[in-house]
Amino acid sequence: MRTMIQKREQIYQGNLILVNAQYAYREDKEYTKVDVEGEMLALETAEALNALMFKMDGWKQIAAVSGWRSMKEQQSIWDESIQD
């Protein structure tokens, strides 16, 4: 196992971010979003997904079922799941 040490400001950089009890989610990054098969995805994500699906002819068997959500929408989903 390898331990990585990062400065606090580095935690919120890039596409893979740390979110937990110590580090809250921040919705301060603006993404260009596009519709892919009815799901909103960040442009960079959509491009990578399309390239992968093209290589494996995946759109015939695989469908996007969840994409980008605003914090408000995600909170609503969370609240409903807690009630259930």
PDB file of N, CA and C in Angstrom:
ATOM      1  N   MET A   1       0.844  -1.178   0.000  1.00  0.00           N
ATOM      2  CA  MET A   1       0.000   0.000   0.000  1.00  0.00           C
ATOM      3  C   MET A   1       0.888   1.239   0.000  1.00  0.00           C
ATOM      4  N   ARG A   2       0.408   2.277  -0.682  1.00  0.00           N
ATOM      5  CA  ARG A   2       1.155   3.523  -0.784  1.00  0.00           C
ATOM      6  C   ARG A   2       0.346   4.641  -0.146  1.00  0.00           C
ATOM      7  N   THR A   3       0.970   5.448   0.678  1.00  0.00           N
ATOM      8  CA  THR A   3       0.309   6.595   1.293  1.00  0.00           C
ATOM      9  C   THR A   3       0.610   7.842   0.480  1.00  0.00           C
ATOM     10  N   MET A   4      -0.440   8.585   0.176  1.00  0.00           N
ATOM     11  CA  MET A   4      -0.277   9.836  -0.557  1.00  0.00           C
ATOM     12  C   MET A   4      -0.628  10.991   0.365  1.00  0.00           C
ATOM     13  N   ILE A   5       0.173  12.005   0.355  1.00  0.00           N
ATOM     14  CA  ILE A   5      -0.097  13.200   1.142  1.00  0.00           C
ATOM     15  C   ILE A   5      -0.365  14.344   0.171  1.00  0.00           C
ATOM     16  N   GLN A   6      -1.511  14.990   0.363  1.00  0.00           N
ATOM     17  CA  GLN A   6      -1.883  16.095  -0.504  1.00  0.00           C
ATOM     18  C   GLN A   6      -2.217  17.314   0.343  1.00  0.00           C
ATOM     19  N   LYS A   7      -1.964  18.461  -0.240  1.00  0.00           N
ATOM     20  CA  LYS A   7      -2.378  19.694   0.403  1.00  0.00           C
ATOM     21  C   LYS A   7      -3.892  19.788   0.323  1.00  0.00           C
ATOM     22  N   ARG A   8      -4.508  20.478   1.267  1.00  0.00           N
ATOM     23  CA  ARG A   8      -5.963  20.577   1.344  1.00  0.00           C
ATOM     24  C   ARG A   8      -6.586  21.046   0.024  1.00  0.00           C
ATOM     25  N   GLU A   9      -5.980  22.041  -0.631  1.00  0.00           N
ATOM     26  CA  GLU A   9      -6.553  22.564  -1.868  1.00  0.00           C
ATOM     27  C   GLU A   9      -6.492  21.556  -3.018  1.00  0.00           C
ATOM     28  N   GLN A  10      -5.596  20.570  -2.934  1.00  0.00           N
ATOM     29  CA  GLN A  10      -5.487  19.558  -3.975  1.00  0.00           C
ATOM     30  C   GLN A  10      -6.648  18.561  -3.935  1.00  0.00           C
ATOM     31  N   ILE A  11      -7.307  18.451  -2.796  1.00  0.00           N
ATOM     32  CA  ILE A  11      -8.401  17.501  -2.637  1.00  0.00           C
ATOM     33  C   ILE A  11      -9.549  17.835  -3.574  1.00  0.00           C
ATOM     34  N   TYR A  12      -9.709  19.099  -3.915  1.00  0.00           N
ATOM     35  CA  TYR A  12     -10.830  19.521  -4.755  1.00  0.00           C
ATOM     36  C   TYR A  12     -10.428  19.740  -6.209  1.00  0.00           C
ATOM     37  N   GLN A  13      -9.335  19.141  -6.643  1.00  0.00           N
ATOM     38  CA  GLN A  13      -8.891  19.299  -8.020  1.00  0.00           C
ATOM     39  C   GLN A  13      -9.062  17.991  -8.780  1.00  0.00           C
ATOM     40  N   GLY A  14      -9.295  18.098 -10.068  1.00  0.00           N
ATOM     41  CA  GLY A  14      -9.414  16.910 -10.901  1.00  0.00           C
ATOM     42  C   GLY A  14     -10.822  16.361 -10.940  1.00  0.00           C
ATOM     43  N   ASN A  15     -10.969  15.219 -11.581  1.00  0.00           N
ATOM     44  CA  ASN A  15     -12.278  14.613 -11.751  1.00  0.00           C
ATOM     45  C   ASN A  15     -12.645  13.646 -10.642  1.00  0.00           C
ATOM     46  N   LEU A  16     -11.681  13.167  -9.919  1.00  0.00           N
ATOM     47  CA  LEU A  16     -11.932  12.241  -8.824  1.00  0.00           C
ATOM     48  C   LEU A  16     -11.609  12.986  -7.536  1.00  0.00           C
ATOM     49  N   ILE A  17     -12.633  13.269  -6.744  1.00  0.00           N
ATOM     50  CA  ILE A  17     -12.430  14.073  -5.550  1.00  0.00           C
ATOM     51  C   ILE A  17     -12.797  13.275  -4.309  1.00  0.00           C
ATOM     52  N   LEU A  18     -12.199  13.636  -3.197  1.00  0.00           N
ATOM     53  CA  LEU A  18     -12.484  13.008  -1.915  1.00  0.00           C
ATOM     54  C   LEU A  18     -13.660  13.721  -1.260  1.00  0.00           C
ATOM     55  N   VAL A  19     -14.676  12.953  -0.891  1.00  0.00           N
ATOM     56  CA  VAL A  19     -15.833  13.494  -0.178  1.00  0.00           C
ATOM     57  C   VAL A  19     -16.115  12.549   0.974  1.00  0.00           C
ATOM     58  N   ASN A  20     -16.053  13.083   2.184  1.00  0.00           N
ATOM     59  CA  ASN A  20     -16.370  12.285   3.365  1.00  0.00           C
ATOM     60  C   ASN A  20     -16.737  13.234   4.513  1.00  0.00           C
ATOM     61  N   ALA A  21     -16.759  12.722   5.730  1.00  0.00           N
ATOM     62  CA  ALA A  21     -17.154  13.547   6.876  1.00  0.00           C
ATOM     63  C   ALA A  21     -16.202  14.731   7.081  1.00  0.00           C
ATOM     64  N   GLN A  22     -14.943  14.569   6.734  1.00  0.00           N
ATOM     65  CA  GLN A  22     -13.958  15.652   6.897  1.00  0.00           C
ATOM     66  C   GLN A  22     -13.982  16.647   5.741  1.00  0.00           C
ATOM     67  N   TYR A  23     -14.269  16.162   4.547  1.00  0.00           N
ATOM     68  CA  TYR A  23     -14.189  16.987   3.345  1.00  0.00           C
ATOM     69  C   TYR A  23     -15.545  17.000   2.642  1.00  0.00           C
ATOM     70  N   ALA A  24     -16.278  18.075   2.816  1.00  0.00           N
ATOM     71  CA  ALA A  24     -17.613  18.190   2.241  1.00  0.00           C
ATOM     72  C   ALA A  24     -17.537  18.369   0.728  1.00  0.00           C
ATOM     73  N   TYR A  25     -18.605  17.959   0.058  1.00  0.00           N
ATOM     74  CA  TYR A  25     -18.702  18.180  -1.380  1.00  0.00           C
ATOM     75  C   TYR A  25     -18.855  19.668  -1.636  1.00  0.00           C
ATOM     76  N   ARG A  26     -18.140  20.161  -2.624  1.00  0.00           N
ATOM     77  CA  ARG A  26     -18.255  21.574  -3.020  1.00  0.00           C
ATOM     78  C   ARG A  26     -18.709  21.632  -4.462  1.00  0.00           C
ATOM     79  N   GLU A  27     -19.757  22.389  -4.691  1.00  0.00           N
ATOM     80  CA  GLU A  27     -20.276  22.520  -6.052  1.00  0.00           C
ATOM     81  C   GLU A  27     -19.785  23.834  -6.650  1.00  0.00           C
ATOM     82  N   ASP A  28     -18.475  24.031  -6.634  1.00  0.00           N
ATOM     83  CA  ASP A  28     -17.922  25.288  -7.129  1.00  0.00           C
ATOM     84  C   ASP A  28     -17.248  25.137  -8.486  1.00  0.00           C
ATOM     85  N   LYS A  29     -17.207  23.930  -9.003  1.00  0.00           N
ATOM     86  CA  LYS A  29     -16.606  23.708 -10.314  1.00  0.00           C
ATOM     87  C   LYS A  29     -17.716  23.670 -11.355  1.00  0.00           C
ATOM     88  N   GLU A  30     -17.567  24.419 -12.411  1.00  0.00           N
ATOM     89  CA  GLU A  30     -18.574  24.464 -13.471  1.00  0.00           C
ATOM     90  C   GLU A  30     -18.200  23.456 -14.552  1.00  0.00           C
ATOM     91  N   TYR A  31     -19.123  22.593 -14.888  1.00  0.00           N
ATOM     92  CA  TYR A  31     -18.911  21.593 -15.919  1.00  0.00           C
ATOM     93  C   TYR A  31     -19.753  21.924 -17.145  1.00  0.00           C
ATOM     94  N   THR A  32     -19.195  21.695 -18.316  1.00  0.00           N
ATOM     95  CA  THR A  32     -19.987  21.737 -19.534  1.00  0.00           C
ATOM     96  C   THR A  32     -20.678  20.390 -19.604  1.00  0.00           C
ATOM     97  N   LYS A  33     -22.006  20.398 -19.615  1.00  0.00           N
ATOM     98  CA  LYS A  33     -22.755  19.150 -19.594  1.00  0.00           C
ATOM     99  C   LYS A  33     -23.416  18.902 -20.947  1.00  0.00           C
ATOM    100  N   VAL A  34     -23.485  17.631 -21.333  1.00  0.00           N
ATOM    101  CA  VAL A  34     -24.120  17.236 -22.579  1.00  0.00           C
ATOM    102  C   VAL A  34     -25.047  16.063 -22.309  1.00  0.00           C
ATOM    103  N   ASP A  35     -26.047  15.910 -23.168  1.00  0.00           N
ATOM    104  CA  ASP A  35     -26.991  14.808 -23.047  1.00  0.00           C
ATOM    105  C   ASP A  35     -26.445  13.591 -23.786  1.00  0.00           C
ATOM    106  N   VAL A  36     -26.343  12.484 -23.083  1.00  0.00           N
ATOM    107  CA  VAL A  36     -25.909  11.221 -23.676  1.00  0.00           C
ATOM    108  C   VAL A  36     -26.966  10.179 -23.356  1.00  0.00           C
ATOM    109  N   GLU A  37     -27.689   9.752 -24.375  1.00  0.00           N
ATOM    110  CA  GLU A  37     -28.719   8.734 -24.191  1.00  0.00           C
ATOM    111  C   GLU A  37     -29.705   9.109 -23.082  1.00  0.00           C
ATOM    112  N   GLY A  38     -30.025  10.393 -22.965  1.00  0.00           N
ATOM    113  CA  GLY A  38     -30.995  10.854 -21.977  1.00  0.00           C
ATOM    114  C   GLY A  38     -30.433  11.167 -20.606  1.00  0.00           C
ATOM    115  N   GLU A  39     -29.140  11.043 -20.441  1.00  0.00           N
ATOM    116  CA  GLU A  39     -28.493  11.362 -19.160  1.00  0.00           C
ATOM    117  C   GLU A  39     -27.511  12.513 -19.348  1.00  0.00           C
ATOM    118  N   MET A  40     -27.482  13.439 -18.401  1.00  0.00           N
ATOM    119  CA  MET A  40     -26.542  14.546 -18.466  1.00  0.00           C
ATOM    120  C   MET A  40     -25.188  14.101 -17.930  1.00  0.00           C
ATOM    121  N   LEU A  41     -24.148  14.329 -18.721  1.00  0.00           N
ATOM    122  CA  LEU A  41     -22.787  13.984 -18.324  1.00  0.00           C
ATOM    123  C   LEU A  41     -21.878  15.179 -18.562  1.00  0.00           C
ATOM    124  N   ALA A  42     -20.830  15.269 -17.769  1.00  0.00           N
ATOM    125  CA  ALA A  42     -19.804  16.271 -18.032  1.00  0.00           C
ATOM    126  C   ALA A  42     -19.200  15.952 -19.397  1.00  0.00           C
ATOM    127  N   LEU A  43     -18.885  16.979 -20.164  1.00  0.00           N
ATOM    128  CA  LEU A  43     -18.377  16.802 -21.521  1.00  0.00           C
ATOM    129  C   LEU A  43     -17.197  15.831 -21.567  1.00  0.00           C
ATOM    130  N   GLU A  44     -16.244  16.010 -20.684  1.00  0.00           N
ATOM    131  CA  GLU A  44     -15.057  15.141 -20.668  1.00  0.00           C
ATOM    132  C   GLU A  44     -15.454  13.680 -20.414  1.00  0.00           C
ATOM    133  N   THR A  45     -16.409  13.467 -19.532  1.00  0.00           N
ATOM    134  CA  THR A  45     -16.895  12.120 -19.241  1.00  0.00           C
ATOM    135  C   THR A  45     -17.603  11.537 -20.448  1.00  0.00           C
ATOM    136  N   ALA A  46     -18.449  12.339 -21.080  1.00  0.00           N
ATOM    137  CA  ALA A  46     -19.187  11.887 -22.260  1.00  0.00           C
ATOM    138  C   ALA A  46     -18.234  11.486 -23.381  1.00  0.00           C
ATOM    139  N   GLU A  47     -17.191  12.264 -23.583  1.00  0.00           N
ATOM    140  CA  GLU A  47     -16.223  11.947 -24.637  1.00  0.00           C
ATOM    141  C   GLU A  47     -15.524  10.624 -24.352  1.00  0.00           C
ATOM    142  N   ALA A  48     -15.129  10.406 -23.104  1.00  0.00           N
ATOM    143  CA  ALA A  48     -14.453   9.152 -22.740  1.00  0.00           C
ATOM    144  C   ALA A  48     -15.410   7.965 -22.868  1.00  0.00           C
ATOM    145  N   LEU A  49     -16.645   8.141 -22.424  1.00  0.00           N
ATOM    146  CA  LEU A  49     -17.638   7.070 -22.528  1.00  0.00           C
ATOM    147  C   LEU A  49     -17.928   6.732 -23.987  1.00  0.00           C
ATOM    148  N   ASN A  50     -18.108   7.748 -24.818  1.00  0.00           N
ATOM    149  CA  ASN A  50     -18.367   7.501 -26.238  1.00  0.00           C
ATOM    150  C   ASN A  50     -17.209   6.779 -26.911  1.00  0.00           C
ATOM    151  N   ALA A  51     -15.989   7.149 -26.573  1.00  0.00           N
ATOM    152  CA  ALA A  51     -14.819   6.483 -27.158  1.00  0.00           C
ATOM    153  C   ALA A  51     -14.791   5.007 -26.751  1.00  0.00           C
ATOM    154  N   LEU A  52     -15.068   4.729 -25.478  1.00  0.00           N
ATOM    155  CA  LEU A  52     -15.101   3.356 -24.995  1.00  0.00           C
ATOM    156  C   LEU A  52     -16.210   2.560 -25.677  1.00  0.00           C
ATOM    157  N   MET A  53     -17.410   3.130 -25.726  1.00  0.00           N
ATOM    158  CA  MET A  53     -18.551   2.435 -26.327  1.00  0.00           C
ATOM    159  C   MET A  53     -18.324   2.182 -27.824  1.00  0.00           C
ATOM    160  N   PHE A  54     -17.691   3.132 -28.497  1.00  0.00           N
ATOM    161  CA  PHE A  54     -17.392   2.954 -29.921  1.00  0.00           C
ATOM    162  C   PHE A  54     -16.449   1.774 -30.123  1.00  0.00           C
ATOM    163  N   LYS A  55     -15.400   1.700 -29.291  1.00  0.00           N
ATOM    164  CA  LYS A  55     -14.409   0.627 -29.432  1.00  0.00           C
ATOM    165  C   LYS A  55     -15.015  -0.750 -29.211  1.00  0.00           C
ATOM    166  N   MET A  56     -16.000  -0.837 -28.320  1.00  0.00           N
ATOM    167  CA  MET A  56     -16.570  -2.147 -28.001  1.00  0.00           C
ATOM    168  C   MET A  56     -17.983  -2.340 -28.549  1.00  0.00           C
ATOM    169  N   ASP A  57     -18.446  -1.389 -29.370  1.00  0.00           N
ATOM    170  CA  ASP A  57     -19.795  -1.428 -29.921  1.00  0.00           C
ATOM    171  C   ASP A  57     -20.814  -1.616 -28.798  1.00  0.00           C
ATOM    172  N   GLY A  58     -20.610  -0.850 -27.743  1.00  0.00           N
ATOM    173  CA  GLY A  58     -21.373  -1.033 -26.514  1.00  0.00           C
ATOM    174  C   GLY A  58     -22.756  -0.436 -26.460  1.00  0.00           C
ATOM    175  N   TRP A  59     -23.051   0.547 -27.285  1.00  0.00           N
ATOM    176  CA  TRP A  59     -24.356   1.206 -27.186  1.00  0.00           C
ATOM    177  C   TRP A  59     -25.507   0.265 -27.517  1.00  0.00           C
ATOM    178  N   LYS A  60     -25.227  -0.867 -28.175  1.00  0.00           N
ATOM    179  CA  LYS A  60     -26.284  -1.833 -28.490  1.00  0.00           C
ATOM    180  C   LYS A  60     -26.729  -2.618 -27.252  1.00  0.00           C
ATOM    181  N   GLN A  61     -25.814  -2.790 -26.287  1.00  0.00           N
ATOM    182  CA  GLN A  61     -26.128  -3.605 -25.110  1.00  0.00           C
ATOM    183  C   GLN A  61     -26.110  -2.831 -23.791  1.00  0.00           C
ATOM    184  N   ILE A  62     -25.489  -1.673 -23.770  1.00  0.00           N
ATOM    185  CA  ILE A  62     -25.294  -0.939 -22.524  1.00  0.00           C
ATOM    186  C   ILE A  62     -25.983   0.418 -22.614  1.00  0.00           C
ATOM    187  N   ALA A  63     -26.645   0.815 -21.536  1.00  0.00           N
ATOM    188  CA  ALA A  63     -27.334   2.108 -21.503  1.00  0.00           C
ATOM    189  C   ALA A  63     -26.885   2.900 -20.280  1.00  0.00           C
ATOM    190  N   ALA A  64     -26.734   4.186 -20.459  1.00  0.00           N
ATOM    191  CA  ALA A  64     -26.444   5.066 -19.323  1.00  0.00           C
ATOM    192  C   ALA A  64     -27.718   5.180 -18.493  1.00  0.00           C
ATOM    193  N   VAL A  65     -27.612   4.961 -17.188  1.00  0.00           N
ATOM    194  CA  VAL A  65     -28.804   5.013 -16.331  1.00  0.00           C
ATOM    195  C   VAL A  65     -28.730   6.107 -15.275  1.00  0.00           C
ATOM    196  N   SER A  66     -27.573   6.724 -15.137  1.00  0.00           N
ATOM    197  CA  SER A  66     -27.441   7.786 -14.148  1.00  0.00           C
ATOM    198  C   SER A  66     -26.315   8.702 -14.579  1.00  0.00           C
ATOM    199  N   GLY A  67     -26.520   9.986 -14.391  1.00  0.00           N
ATOM    200  CA  GLY A  67     -25.509  10.938 -14.813  1.00  0.00           C
ATOM    201  C   GLY A  67     -25.323  12.050 -13.805  1.00  0.00           C
ATOM    202  N   TRP A  68     -24.969  13.218 -14.307  1.00  0.00           N
ATOM    203  CA  TRP A  68     -24.709  14.378 -13.466  1.00  0.00           C
ATOM    204  C   TRP A  68     -25.980  14.806 -12.764  1.00  0.00           C
ATOM    205  N   ARG A  69     -25.843  15.167 -11.485  1.00  0.00           N
ATOM    206  CA  ARG A  69     -26.962  15.685 -10.699  1.00  0.00           C
ATOM    207  C   ARG A  69     -26.506  16.927  -9.961  1.00  0.00           C
ATOM    208  N   SER A  70     -27.421  17.859  -9.827  1.00  0.00           N
ATOM    209  CA  SER A  70     -27.121  19.019  -8.994  1.00  0.00           C
ATOM    210  C   SER A  70     -27.128  18.581  -7.534  1.00  0.00           C
ATOM    211  N   MET A  71     -26.538  19.375  -6.682  1.00  0.00           N
ATOM    212  CA  MET A  71     -26.531  19.060  -5.254  1.00  0.00           C
ATOM    213  C   MET A  71     -27.966  18.971  -4.736  1.00  0.00           C
ATOM    214  N   LYS A  72     -28.844  19.860  -5.213  1.00  0.00           N
ATOM    215  CA  LYS A  72     -30.240  19.867  -4.784  1.00  0.00           C
ATOM    216  C   LYS A  72     -30.936  18.549  -5.166  1.00  0.00           C
ATOM    217  N   GLU A  73     -30.725  18.106  -6.400  1.00  0.00           N
ATOM    218  CA  GLU A  73     -31.335  16.854  -6.848  1.00  0.00           C
ATOM    219  C   GLU A  73     -30.786  15.665  -6.063  1.00  0.00           C
ATOM    220  N   GLN A  74     -29.478  15.633  -5.842  1.00  0.00           N
ATOM    221  CA  GLN A  74     -28.868  14.536  -5.091  1.00  0.00           C
ATOM    222  C   GLN A  74     -29.387  14.513  -3.661  1.00  0.00           C
ATOM    223  N   GLN A  75     -29.535  15.687  -3.053  1.00  0.00           N
ATOM    224  CA  GLN A  75     -30.054  15.762  -1.678  1.00  0.00           C
ATOM    225  C   GLN A  75     -31.477  15.224  -1.616  1.00  0.00           C
ATOM    226  N   SER A  76     -32.279  15.548  -2.624  1.00  0.00           N
ATOM    227  CA  SER A  76     -33.657  15.063  -2.691  1.00  0.00           C
ATOM    228  C   SER A  76     -33.688  13.530  -2.791  1.00  0.00           C
ATOM    229  N   ILE A  77     -32.841  12.954  -3.619  1.00  0.00           N
ATOM    230  CA  ILE A  77     -32.757  11.496  -3.750  1.00  0.00           C
ATOM    231  C   ILE A  77     -32.355  10.878  -2.417  1.00  0.00           C
ATOM    232  N   TRP A  78     -31.379  11.473  -1.765  1.00  0.00           N
ATOM    233  CA  TRP A  78     -30.915  10.984  -0.461  1.00  0.00           C
ATOM    234  C   TRP A  78     -32.046  11.041   0.566  1.00  0.00           C
ATOM    235  N   ASP A  79     -32.721  12.184   0.642  1.00  0.00           N
ATOM    236  CA  ASP A  79     -33.809  12.350   1.619  1.00  0.00           C
ATOM    237  C   ASP A  79     -34.910  11.319   1.399  1.00  0.00           C
ATOM    238  N   GLU A  80     -35.274  11.090   0.138  1.00  0.00           N
ATOM    239  CA  GLU A  80     -36.315  10.094  -0.176  1.00  0.00           C
ATOM    240  C   GLU A  80     -35.880   8.687   0.205  1.00  0.00           C
ATOM    241  N   SER A  81     -34.604   8.372  -0.025  1.00  0.00           N
ATOM    242  CA  SER A  81     -34.119   7.033   0.316  1.00  0.00           C
ATOM    243  C   SER A  81     -34.113   6.809   1.828  1.00  0.00           C
ATOM    244  N   ILE A  82     -33.844   7.863   2.589  1.00  0.00           N
ATOM    245  CA  ILE A  82     -33.865   7.759   4.054  1.00  0.00           C
ATOM    246  C   ILE A  82     -35.299   7.524   4.538  1.00  0.00           C
ATOM    247  N   GLN A  83     -36.273   8.195   3.920  1.00  0.00           N
ATOM    248  CA  GLN A  83     -37.681   8.019   4.291  1.00  0.00           C
ATOM    249  C   GLN A  83     -38.156   6.599   3.992  1.00  0.00           C
ATOM    250  N   ASP A  84     -37.686   6.044   2.867  1.00  0.00           N
ATOM    251  CA  ASP A  84     -38.092   4.672   2.500  1.00  0.00           C
ATOM    252  C   ASP A  84     -37.505   3.678   3.463  1.00  0.00           C
TER     253      ASP A  84
END
